[in-house]
Amino acid sequence: MTSPSRAKSRRRKFPYAAVGTGFCVVVSVAAAAGLWIGHRNSQIAEAQAWAPPGPACPVMTRQAYLALGAMASHISHYDGVQFGRGYGAVACNEIADHGGRGPGRIPVCQFNNPTTLEVVTARGDFLYFPQVKPAVVTISDGRPTCVESAGEGMP
């Protein structure tokens, strides 16, 4: 026969350590998810501010570009890409690809009234004629995309 003191010691104890550890894991995962969502939302907002949607810039042939005479003589380089513009100012940045949702980063440049744009990447020489409208150029996989911006052309 067992003594009364031994009978008490055989009772199951509440697993406080396991519950505490589980609670800490749940709180940590929730905090990490909240930080990730906040970071992702800020990347999406940044991408929307720097690369708003708009109609495509008119594309120019080399012959039309040379005949126009408004050369893209103001040259700047950003992230291995050469950007030439006829007039105005330029501001460049890197944004998350796929509208701020992707894991990669891509260069983006905004122009306030460039008239002509010449973008030179490893994939070639690209000519655009946005005239005096604000324009935004993004580079993805070495290929530029130019859109006319409804805004003022600079963040």
N, C-alpha and C. Protein backbone atom coordinates (compact mmCIF):
# COMPACT_ATOMS: atom_id res chain seq x y z
N MET A 1 0.84 -1.17 0.00
CA MET A 1 0.00 0.00 0.00
C MET A 1 0.89 1.24 0.00
N THR A 2 0.46 2.23 -0.72
CA THR A 2 1.27 3.45 -0.80
C THR A 2 0.84 4.42 0.27
N SER A 3 1.77 5.19 0.64
CA SER A 3 1.46 6.20 1.66
C SER A 3 0.73 7.37 1.01
N PRO A 4 -0.04 8.16 1.79
CA PRO A 4 -0.78 9.29 1.23
C PRO A 4 0.12 10.32 0.58
N SER A 5 1.33 10.50 1.08
CA SER A 5 2.22 11.51 0.48
C SER A 5 2.66 11.10 -0.91
N ARG A 6 2.84 9.80 -1.15
CA ARG A 6 3.23 9.32 -2.47
C ARG A 6 2.08 9.44 -3.46
N ALA A 7 0.89 9.26 -3.03
CA ALA A 7 -0.27 9.36 -3.91
C ALA A 7 -0.42 10.76 -4.46
N LYS A 8 -0.13 11.75 -3.64
CA LYS A 8 -0.19 13.14 -4.11
C LYS A 8 0.89 13.42 -5.15
N SER A 9 2.05 12.86 -4.99
CA SER A 9 3.15 13.15 -5.90
C SER A 9 2.96 12.50 -7.27
N ARG A 10 2.09 11.50 -7.37
CA ARG A 10 1.86 10.84 -8.64
C ARG A 10 0.83 11.57 -9.50
N ARG A 11 0.19 12.56 -8.99
CA ARG A 11 -0.77 13.33 -9.79
C ARG A 11 -0.04 14.06 -10.90
N ARG A 12 -0.74 14.21 -12.02
CA ARG A 12 -0.14 14.94 -13.14
C ARG A 12 -0.07 16.42 -12.80
N LYS A 13 1.04 17.01 -13.14
CA LYS A 13 1.21 18.45 -12.93
C LYS A 13 0.81 19.17 -14.21
N PHE A 14 0.28 20.36 -14.07
CA PHE A 14 -0.10 21.17 -15.23
C PHE A 14 1.16 21.58 -15.98
N PRO A 15 1.20 21.46 -17.30
CA PRO A 15 2.41 21.74 -18.08
C PRO A 15 2.60 23.25 -18.32
N TYR A 16 2.91 23.96 -17.26
CA TYR A 16 3.08 25.42 -17.36
C TYR A 16 4.18 25.78 -18.36
N ALA A 17 5.27 25.06 -18.35
CA ALA A 17 6.38 25.38 -19.26
C ALA A 17 5.96 25.22 -20.72
N ALA A 18 5.24 24.17 -21.03
CA ALA A 18 4.81 23.95 -22.42
C ALA A 18 3.82 25.02 -22.86
N VAL A 19 2.89 25.37 -21.99
CA VAL A 19 1.91 26.41 -22.33
C VAL A 19 2.61 27.75 -22.51
N GLY A 20 3.54 28.06 -21.63
CA GLY A 20 4.29 29.32 -21.73
C GLY A 20 5.11 29.39 -23.01
N THR A 21 5.76 28.29 -23.35
CA THR A 21 6.55 28.25 -24.58
C THR A 21 5.64 28.40 -25.81
N GLY A 22 4.52 27.71 -25.81
CA GLY A 22 3.58 27.82 -26.92
C GLY A 22 3.05 29.23 -27.08
N PHE A 23 2.75 29.88 -25.97
CA PHE A 23 2.28 31.26 -26.01
C PHE A 23 3.35 32.18 -26.60
N CYS A 24 4.60 32.00 -26.19
CA CYS A 24 5.69 32.83 -26.71
C CYS A 24 5.88 32.62 -28.21
N VAL A 25 5.73 31.38 -28.66
CA VAL A 25 5.87 31.10 -30.09
C VAL A 25 4.75 31.79 -30.87
N VAL A 26 3.53 31.70 -30.40
CA VAL A 26 2.39 32.33 -31.08
C VAL A 26 2.57 33.84 -31.14
N VAL A 27 2.97 34.45 -30.04
CA VAL A 27 3.18 35.90 -30.00
C VAL A 27 4.31 36.30 -30.94
N SER A 28 5.39 35.53 -30.97
CA SER A 28 6.52 35.85 -31.85
C SER A 28 6.12 35.76 -33.32
N VAL A 29 5.38 34.73 -33.68
CA VAL A 29 4.93 34.57 -35.07
C VAL A 29 3.99 35.71 -35.46
N ALA A 30 3.09 36.07 -34.57
CA ALA A 30 2.16 37.17 -34.86
C ALA A 30 2.91 38.49 -35.03
N ALA A 31 3.91 38.73 -34.18
CA ALA A 31 4.69 39.97 -34.29
C ALA A 31 5.48 40.00 -35.60
N ALA A 32 6.10 38.87 -35.95
CA ALA A 32 6.86 38.81 -37.21
C ALA A 32 5.94 39.01 -38.41
N ALA A 33 4.76 38.41 -38.38
CA ALA A 33 3.81 38.59 -39.48
C ALA A 33 3.36 40.04 -39.58
N GLY A 34 3.12 40.67 -38.45
CA GLY A 34 2.73 42.08 -38.46
C GLY A 34 3.82 42.97 -39.03
N LEU A 35 5.07 42.72 -38.67
CA LEU A 35 6.19 43.49 -39.22
C LEU A 35 6.32 43.26 -40.72
N TRP A 36 6.18 42.01 -41.16
CA TRP A 36 6.29 41.71 -42.58
C TRP A 36 5.19 42.39 -43.37
N ILE A 37 3.96 42.36 -42.87
CA ILE A 37 2.84 43.00 -43.57
C ILE A 37 3.06 44.51 -43.63
N GLY A 38 3.52 45.11 -42.55
CA GLY A 38 3.81 46.54 -42.55
C GLY A 38 4.89 46.90 -43.55
N HIS A 39 5.95 46.09 -43.61
CA HIS A 39 7.05 46.34 -44.55
C HIS A 39 6.55 46.19 -45.99
N ARG A 40 5.76 45.15 -46.25
CA ARG A 40 5.23 44.92 -47.59
C ARG A 40 4.32 46.07 -48.01
N ASN A 41 3.47 46.54 -47.12
CA ASN A 41 2.57 47.65 -47.45
C ASN A 41 3.36 48.91 -47.76
N SER A 42 4.46 49.14 -47.03
CA SER A 42 5.27 50.34 -47.31
C SER A 42 5.98 50.19 -48.66
N GLN A 43 6.39 48.97 -49.03
CA GLN A 43 7.01 48.76 -50.34
C GLN A 43 6.00 48.99 -51.46
N ILE A 44 4.77 48.54 -51.27
CA ILE A 44 3.73 48.75 -52.28
C ILE A 44 3.44 50.24 -52.44
N ALA A 45 3.34 50.96 -51.31
CA ALA A 45 3.08 52.40 -51.37
C ALA A 45 4.23 53.13 -52.06
N GLU A 46 5.46 52.74 -51.76
CA GLU A 46 6.62 53.36 -52.40
C GLU A 46 6.61 53.10 -53.91
N ALA A 47 6.31 51.87 -54.30
CA ALA A 47 6.26 51.53 -55.73
C ALA A 47 5.17 52.32 -56.44
N GLN A 48 4.02 52.50 -55.80
CA GLN A 48 2.93 53.27 -56.41
C GLN A 48 3.29 54.74 -56.53
N ALA A 49 4.03 55.28 -55.55
CA ALA A 49 4.43 56.69 -55.61
C ALA A 49 5.48 56.92 -56.70
N TRP A 50 6.41 55.98 -56.84
CA TRP A 50 7.48 56.16 -57.81
C TRP A 50 7.10 55.73 -59.22
N ALA A 51 6.23 54.76 -59.35
CA ALA A 51 5.88 54.24 -60.68
C ALA A 51 4.37 54.14 -60.83
N PRO A 52 3.69 55.29 -60.90
CA PRO A 52 2.23 55.24 -61.07
C PRO A 52 1.87 54.73 -62.46
N PRO A 53 0.67 54.16 -62.59
CA PRO A 53 0.26 53.69 -63.92
C PRO A 53 -0.01 54.87 -64.84
N GLY A 54 0.08 54.62 -66.11
CA GLY A 54 -0.19 55.65 -67.10
C GLY A 54 -0.08 55.08 -68.49
N PRO A 55 -0.44 55.88 -69.49
CA PRO A 55 -0.30 55.41 -70.87
C PRO A 55 1.18 55.31 -71.26
N ALA A 56 1.46 54.40 -72.16
CA ALA A 56 2.84 54.20 -72.61
C ALA A 56 3.35 55.45 -73.32
N CYS A 57 4.62 55.75 -73.11
CA CYS A 57 5.25 56.86 -73.83
C CYS A 57 5.34 56.49 -75.31
N PRO A 58 5.18 57.47 -76.19
CA PRO A 58 5.39 57.18 -77.62
C PRO A 58 6.84 56.74 -77.86
N VAL A 59 7.00 55.69 -78.65
CA VAL A 59 8.32 55.17 -78.98
C VAL A 59 8.79 55.85 -80.26
N MET A 60 10.10 56.12 -80.33
CA MET A 60 10.68 56.76 -81.51
C MET A 60 11.67 55.83 -82.19
N THR A 61 11.75 55.94 -83.50
CA THR A 61 12.82 55.26 -84.23
C THR A 61 14.07 56.14 -84.15
N ARG A 62 15.21 55.55 -84.41
CA ARG A 62 16.46 56.32 -84.41
C ARG A 62 16.39 57.41 -85.48
N GLN A 63 15.82 57.12 -86.63
CA GLN A 63 15.71 58.10 -87.72
C GLN A 63 14.83 59.28 -87.29
N ALA A 64 13.69 59.02 -86.68
CA ALA A 64 12.81 60.11 -86.22
C ALA A 64 13.47 60.91 -85.11
N TYR A 65 14.21 60.22 -84.25
CA TYR A 65 14.91 60.89 -83.15
C TYR A 65 15.95 61.87 -83.70
N LEU A 66 16.73 61.43 -84.67
CA LEU A 66 17.76 62.29 -85.25
C LEU A 66 17.13 63.43 -86.04
N ALA A 67 16.02 63.18 -86.72
CA ALA A 67 15.35 64.22 -87.51
C ALA A 67 14.72 65.28 -86.61
N LEU A 68 14.30 64.89 -85.42
CA LEU A 68 13.65 65.82 -84.50
C LEU A 68 14.62 66.91 -84.03
N GLY A 69 15.86 66.53 -83.81
CA GLY A 69 16.87 67.50 -83.39
C GLY A 69 16.86 67.82 -81.91
N ALA A 70 15.91 67.34 -81.16
CA ALA A 70 15.86 67.56 -79.70
C ALA A 70 16.56 66.38 -79.03
N MET A 71 17.87 66.44 -79.01
CA MET A 71 18.67 65.33 -78.51
C MET A 71 18.53 65.19 -76.99
N ALA A 72 18.63 63.96 -76.53
CA ALA A 72 18.63 63.67 -75.09
C ALA A 72 20.05 63.88 -74.58
N SER A 73 20.43 65.14 -74.45
CA SER A 73 21.82 65.49 -74.16
C SER A 73 22.16 65.54 -72.67
N HIS A 74 21.16 65.58 -71.81
CA HIS A 74 21.41 65.57 -70.37
C HIS A 74 21.48 64.10 -69.93
N ILE A 75 22.68 63.64 -69.65
CA ILE A 75 22.91 62.22 -69.39
C ILE A 75 23.11 61.98 -67.89
N SER A 76 22.48 60.94 -67.39
CA SER A 76 22.73 60.49 -66.02
C SER A 76 22.76 58.97 -66.02
N HIS A 77 23.45 58.42 -65.03
CA HIS A 77 23.57 56.97 -64.89
C HIS A 77 22.99 56.56 -63.55
N TYR A 78 22.27 55.46 -63.57
CA TYR A 78 21.74 54.93 -62.31
C TYR A 78 21.64 53.42 -62.43
N ASP A 79 22.25 52.74 -61.50
CA ASP A 79 22.17 51.27 -61.40
C ASP A 79 22.54 50.58 -62.71
N GLY A 80 23.60 51.08 -63.36
CA GLY A 80 24.08 50.46 -64.59
C GLY A 80 23.31 50.81 -65.84
N VAL A 81 22.38 51.75 -65.73
CA VAL A 81 21.56 52.17 -66.88
C VAL A 81 21.86 53.63 -67.18
N GLN A 82 21.97 53.96 -68.47
CA GLN A 82 22.17 55.35 -68.88
C GLN A 82 20.82 55.94 -69.28
N PHE A 83 20.52 57.09 -68.68
CA PHE A 83 19.28 57.81 -68.99
C PHE A 83 19.65 59.14 -69.61
N GLY A 84 19.15 59.40 -70.81
CA GLY A 84 19.35 60.69 -71.45
C GLY A 84 18.01 61.38 -71.60
N ARG A 85 18.01 62.69 -71.38
CA ARG A 85 16.77 63.46 -71.53
C ARG A 85 17.09 64.76 -72.24
N GLY A 86 16.10 65.30 -72.92
CA GLY A 86 16.30 66.56 -73.63
C GLY A 86 16.31 67.74 -72.67
N TYR A 87 15.38 67.76 -71.73
CA TYR A 87 15.23 68.89 -70.81
C TYR A 87 14.77 68.38 -69.45
N GLY A 88 14.62 69.29 -68.52
CA GLY A 88 14.01 68.97 -67.24
C GLY A 88 14.93 68.30 -66.25
N ALA A 89 14.31 67.79 -65.21
CA ALA A 89 15.03 67.18 -64.10
C ALA A 89 14.68 65.70 -64.02
N VAL A 90 15.53 64.96 -63.30
CA VAL A 90 15.31 63.53 -63.12
C VAL A 90 15.57 63.18 -61.66
N ALA A 91 14.82 62.21 -61.14
CA ALA A 91 15.04 61.64 -59.81
C ALA A 91 14.92 60.13 -59.95
N CYS A 92 15.87 59.40 -59.38
CA CYS A 92 15.88 57.94 -59.50
C CYS A 92 15.88 57.27 -58.13
N ASN A 93 15.39 56.05 -58.10
CA ASN A 93 15.31 55.28 -56.87
C ASN A 93 15.23 53.80 -57.26
N GLU A 94 15.25 52.93 -56.26
CA GLU A 94 14.98 51.52 -56.47
C GLU A 94 13.71 51.17 -55.73
N ILE A 95 12.85 50.40 -56.38
CA ILE A 95 11.61 49.96 -55.75
C ILE A 95 11.52 48.44 -55.84
N ALA A 96 10.68 47.85 -55.01
CA ALA A 96 10.44 46.41 -55.10
C ALA A 96 9.73 46.12 -56.42
N ASP A 97 10.15 45.05 -57.08
CA ASP A 97 9.53 44.72 -58.37
C ASP A 97 8.10 44.21 -58.21
N HIS A 98 7.43 44.07 -59.31
CA HIS A 98 6.03 43.61 -59.36
C HIS A 98 5.12 44.50 -58.52
N GLY A 99 5.27 45.81 -58.70
CA GLY A 99 4.39 46.75 -58.00
C GLY A 99 4.59 46.81 -56.50
N GLY A 100 5.79 46.48 -56.04
CA GLY A 100 6.09 46.50 -54.61
C GLY A 100 5.85 45.17 -53.93
N ARG A 101 5.36 44.18 -54.67
CA ARG A 101 5.04 42.88 -54.08
C ARG A 101 6.14 41.84 -54.26
N GLY A 102 7.10 42.11 -55.12
CA GLY A 102 8.14 41.13 -55.42
C GLY A 102 9.33 41.21 -54.49
N PRO A 103 10.17 40.18 -54.52
CA PRO A 103 11.34 40.16 -53.64
C PRO A 103 12.52 40.94 -54.19
N GLY A 104 12.54 41.17 -55.51
CA GLY A 104 13.67 41.86 -56.13
C GLY A 104 13.49 43.37 -56.12
N ARG A 105 14.55 44.08 -56.52
CA ARG A 105 14.53 45.54 -56.60
C ARG A 105 14.81 45.93 -58.04
N ILE A 106 14.13 46.97 -58.52
CA ILE A 106 14.34 47.47 -59.88
C ILE A 106 14.53 48.98 -59.84
N PRO A 107 15.33 49.51 -60.77
CA PRO A 107 15.49 50.96 -60.83
C PRO A 107 14.28 51.63 -61.47
N VAL A 108 13.99 52.83 -61.00
CA VAL A 108 12.91 53.65 -61.55
C VAL A 108 13.40 55.10 -61.57
N CYS A 109 13.12 55.80 -62.65
CA CYS A 109 13.47 57.22 -62.75
C CYS A 109 12.24 58.01 -63.19
N GLN A 110 12.07 59.16 -62.56
CA GLN A 110 10.97 60.07 -62.91
C GLN A 110 11.56 61.32 -63.56
N PHE A 111 10.88 61.78 -64.61
CA PHE A 111 11.30 62.96 -65.36
C PHE A 111 10.14 63.94 -65.36
N ASN A 112 10.45 65.25 -65.15
CA ASN A 112 9.33 66.20 -65.09
C ASN A 112 8.88 66.71 -66.45
N ASN A 113 9.77 66.95 -67.39
CA ASN A 113 9.38 67.35 -68.75
C ASN A 113 10.55 67.09 -69.70
N PRO A 114 10.80 65.84 -70.02
CA PRO A 114 12.03 65.49 -70.73
C PRO A 114 12.05 65.74 -72.23
N THR A 115 10.94 65.93 -72.87
CA THR A 115 10.80 66.02 -74.33
C THR A 115 11.19 64.69 -74.99
N THR A 116 12.48 64.35 -74.98
CA THR A 116 12.92 63.06 -75.51
C THR A 116 13.63 62.29 -74.40
N LEU A 117 13.55 60.98 -74.48
CA LEU A 117 14.25 60.10 -73.54
C LEU A 117 15.01 59.04 -74.31
N GLU A 118 16.25 58.83 -73.91
CA GLU A 118 17.05 57.74 -74.47
C GLU A 118 17.53 56.90 -73.30
N VAL A 119 17.17 55.63 -73.30
CA VAL A 119 17.53 54.71 -72.22
C VAL A 119 18.43 53.64 -72.81
N VAL A 120 19.64 53.51 -72.25
CA VAL A 120 20.60 52.53 -72.75
C VAL A 120 20.84 51.50 -71.65
N THR A 121 20.49 50.24 -71.96
CA THR A 121 20.73 49.13 -71.04
C THR A 121 21.60 48.10 -71.75
N ALA A 122 21.91 47.03 -71.06
CA ALA A 122 22.67 45.94 -71.68
C ALA A 122 21.89 45.30 -72.83
N ARG A 123 20.59 45.49 -72.85
CA ARG A 123 19.74 44.90 -73.90
C ARG A 123 19.54 45.82 -75.10
N GLY A 124 20.04 47.05 -75.03
CA GLY A 124 19.90 47.91 -76.19
C GLY A 124 19.65 49.37 -75.86
N ASP A 125 19.35 50.11 -76.92
CA ASP A 125 19.11 51.55 -76.86
C ASP A 125 17.63 51.77 -77.17
N PHE A 126 16.93 52.45 -76.26
CA PHE A 126 15.48 52.63 -76.39
C PHE A 126 15.17 54.12 -76.40
N LEU A 127 14.33 54.56 -77.35
CA LEU A 127 14.01 55.98 -77.52
C LEU A 127 12.52 56.22 -77.31
N TYR A 128 12.22 57.28 -76.55
CA TYR A 128 10.83 57.63 -76.25
C TYR A 128 10.63 59.13 -76.49
N PHE A 129 9.38 59.50 -76.76
CA PHE A 129 9.05 60.90 -77.02
C PHE A 129 7.84 61.32 -76.17
N PRO A 130 8.04 61.50 -74.85
CA PRO A 130 6.93 61.93 -74.00
C PRO A 130 6.62 63.42 -74.12
N GLN A 131 7.40 64.14 -74.90
CA GLN A 131 7.28 65.59 -75.08
C GLN A 131 7.49 66.29 -73.74
N VAL A 132 6.63 67.22 -73.36
CA VAL A 132 6.85 67.92 -72.09
C VAL A 132 5.95 67.38 -70.99
N LYS A 133 5.51 66.15 -71.13
CA LYS A 133 4.71 65.50 -70.09
C LYS A 133 5.64 64.78 -69.12
N PRO A 134 5.27 64.72 -67.84
CA PRO A 134 6.06 63.92 -66.90
C PRO A 134 6.08 62.46 -67.36
N ALA A 135 7.21 61.80 -67.15
CA ALA A 135 7.35 60.40 -67.56
C ALA A 135 8.07 59.61 -66.47
N VAL A 136 7.78 58.32 -66.43
CA VAL A 136 8.41 57.41 -65.47
C VAL A 136 8.97 56.22 -66.26
N VAL A 137 10.24 55.90 -66.01
CA VAL A 137 10.87 54.76 -66.66
C VAL A 137 11.29 53.76 -65.59
N THR A 138 10.84 52.52 -65.73
CA THR A 138 11.29 51.43 -64.87
C THR A 138 12.08 50.45 -65.73
N ILE A 139 13.02 49.77 -65.11
CA ILE A 139 13.85 48.80 -65.81
C ILE A 139 13.64 47.44 -65.15
N SER A 140 13.17 46.47 -65.93
CA SER A 140 12.98 45.12 -65.42
C SER A 140 13.63 44.14 -66.39
N ASP A 141 14.54 43.33 -65.90
CA ASP A 141 15.29 42.39 -66.74
C ASP A 141 16.00 43.10 -67.89
N GLY A 142 16.51 44.29 -67.64
CA GLY A 142 17.24 45.03 -68.65
C GLY A 142 16.38 45.71 -69.69
N ARG A 143 15.07 45.62 -69.55
CA ARG A 143 14.16 46.24 -70.52
C ARG A 143 13.43 47.41 -69.86
N PRO A 144 13.51 48.59 -70.49
CA PRO A 144 12.80 49.75 -69.93
C PRO A 144 11.31 49.74 -70.29
N THR A 145 10.54 50.31 -69.41
CA THR A 145 9.13 50.59 -69.66
C THR A 145 8.92 52.06 -69.34
N CYS A 146 8.39 52.81 -70.27
CA CYS A 146 8.16 54.24 -70.08
C CYS A 146 6.66 54.50 -70.10
N VAL A 147 6.18 55.21 -69.08
CA VAL A 147 4.77 55.62 -69.05
C VAL A 147 4.70 57.12 -68.80
N GLU A 148 3.68 57.73 -69.37
CA GLU A 148 3.43 59.15 -69.09
C GLU A 148 2.72 59.22 -67.75
N SER A 149 3.20 60.09 -66.91
CA SER A 149 2.67 60.20 -65.55
C SER A 149 1.66 61.33 -65.48
N ALA A 150 0.59 61.10 -64.73
CA ALA A 150 -0.42 62.14 -64.55
C ALA A 150 0.03 63.16 -63.52
N GLY A 151 1.01 62.80 -62.71
CA GLY A 151 1.49 63.70 -61.65
C GLY A 151 2.46 64.72 -62.19
N GLU A 152 3.22 65.28 -61.27
CA GLU A 152 4.20 66.30 -61.65
C GLU A 152 5.52 65.70 -62.07
N GLY A 153 5.65 64.39 -62.00
CA GLY A 153 6.85 63.74 -62.49
C GLY A 153 7.94 63.54 -61.47
N MET A 154 7.77 64.03 -60.27
CA MET A 154 8.79 63.87 -59.24
C MET A 154 8.10 63.62 -57.91
N PRO A 155 8.68 62.73 -57.07
CA PRO A 155 8.03 62.47 -55.77
C PRO A 155 8.14 63.63 -54.83
